[in-house]
Amino acid sequence: MMRFRPVIALIVLIAAGGGAAQSVDFSGDVSLQTRWFPESPEFSGQRWGSSGLVVEPTLYWDIAEQASFTFTPLYRYDSADSRRTHADLREAYLLMYGDWGDSFWELRVGFDRVFWGVVELHNLVDVVNQFDLIEHPREEAKLGQPMAYLTVSGGWGTAEWLVLPYHRKRTFAGSGGRFRGSLPLVDDALYESGAEERHVDLAARYSNSIGPLDFGLSAFAGTNREPFFVPALPPGLIPDPATPFIPYYEQIRHFGLDAQLTTGDWLYKLEAIRRSGARNLAGREEDYHAFILGLERNVYAVFGSTVDMVLLAEWHDDSRGSLATNAWANDLFVGVAVTFNDVQSTELTAGILGDLSRSYRALNLGLRRRLSDNWSMRLEAIAQLKVDPLDLTYDVRRDSFLGLDFTYSY
């Protein structure tokens, strides 16, 4: 992990030069979580269920008139998977900002999370942060990424430049956890770059709005966030079923486009990428393109009630087809999100994910509801309705689950 001393030194200097701090705010969440898996485990050592505790506090400090510091660590305890018990630094960055002529600039230095994209289920253009798969199998959580992040915005649009001096390895479930594959994994990594995890990656994005169209153009050059897996053996030896595998991270070039067209109650969405330098499932380097087409329909005051609803559909496609290294090669997602607009802020989501090339189907359900001023609950379920032995998700075919979280926010 990169040391954070340069950022601390900057904070001290700014605080000394800017006078007393204007305000300090402390907030965060403490969650009690449990998951139950109705089907017997596929692999030895896996459990029928798990429970745990998640603590994610946030400290916000106004250091000076145009500078602040944000600190958000995370700690999780899990009863079933020792690897899922972990800590991470989600955010720890110094923010400085100000005017530059008719434009506004903002500089963040430290650990942060960046989101790019417009669709709901999976974001192709979102390449800055590494995913924390032991938090959630659907790429919902991100590891904190060391960065220097400059944003300049004005009437001409918004430009973002990022320098990323350290690569975070993707997290995977341990032998006792669910959502893991059949291959034993070495808790280490190999890199194409001789600088390994200290290779300096670069990313940039330009975004703007023209009438009903919002769009972004992005580029990334550096270490792939998605690993390829190679046998952890000396060259020349032939692997057997017990051979462990090790993640391998290539150097890639990536160009992305995201766009959203809003016409009344209809939203038309697109994410598309062109990537070179990555290996396909056969282990050969292959340049490829992928895209997601999304359609959303907002329905307000359903049947004259206070309920609002969003209907959505997304098609994911990858030019590598059956040699794609992820599960989004030719998939269709159809879903609905219902907002009840009640005192408890109740929200219900449901969707079906299906592979159009193979016989894979999964049902996704979610319910969020506020219980009091501080307490809220979340109910989540993923049901594997149909599996295909040729699909990359086949190893988790018995990992349908029902999860329940109770969160105290302060």
Foldseek 3Di string as FASTA:
>chain_A
DDDDVVQVVVLVVLLVVADHWPDKDKWWKKKKKKKAFPFDAPAPQADRMKIKIKTWMWIWIRRHPFKIWIWIKMAMDMDFFPLLGDIATAGTWMWGWDDDVQKIKIKIFFWYADDDADDDQDAPVRFQFAFACSVDVSRPHTGTFGWIWMWMQHQVFIKIKIKGQFADAHGDTDNHYAPHFQAAADPDEAEPDPCPRRDIKIKMKTWDDDVQKTKMKMKIWFKGSDWDKDFPDDPPDDDDSNTHIYTYIYTKIKIKMWMWGDDPQKIKIKIKMWMFTDAWQVRHTDTWMKMKIKMKGWDQCVVVARKIKIWMKMWIAIPVALRHPDQRHTKMKTKMKMFRPDPFRKIKIKMWMAHPVFGWIKIKIKIKTHPDPFKIKMKIWIAGPDDDPSGPSNRNNSVTMIMMMIMGID
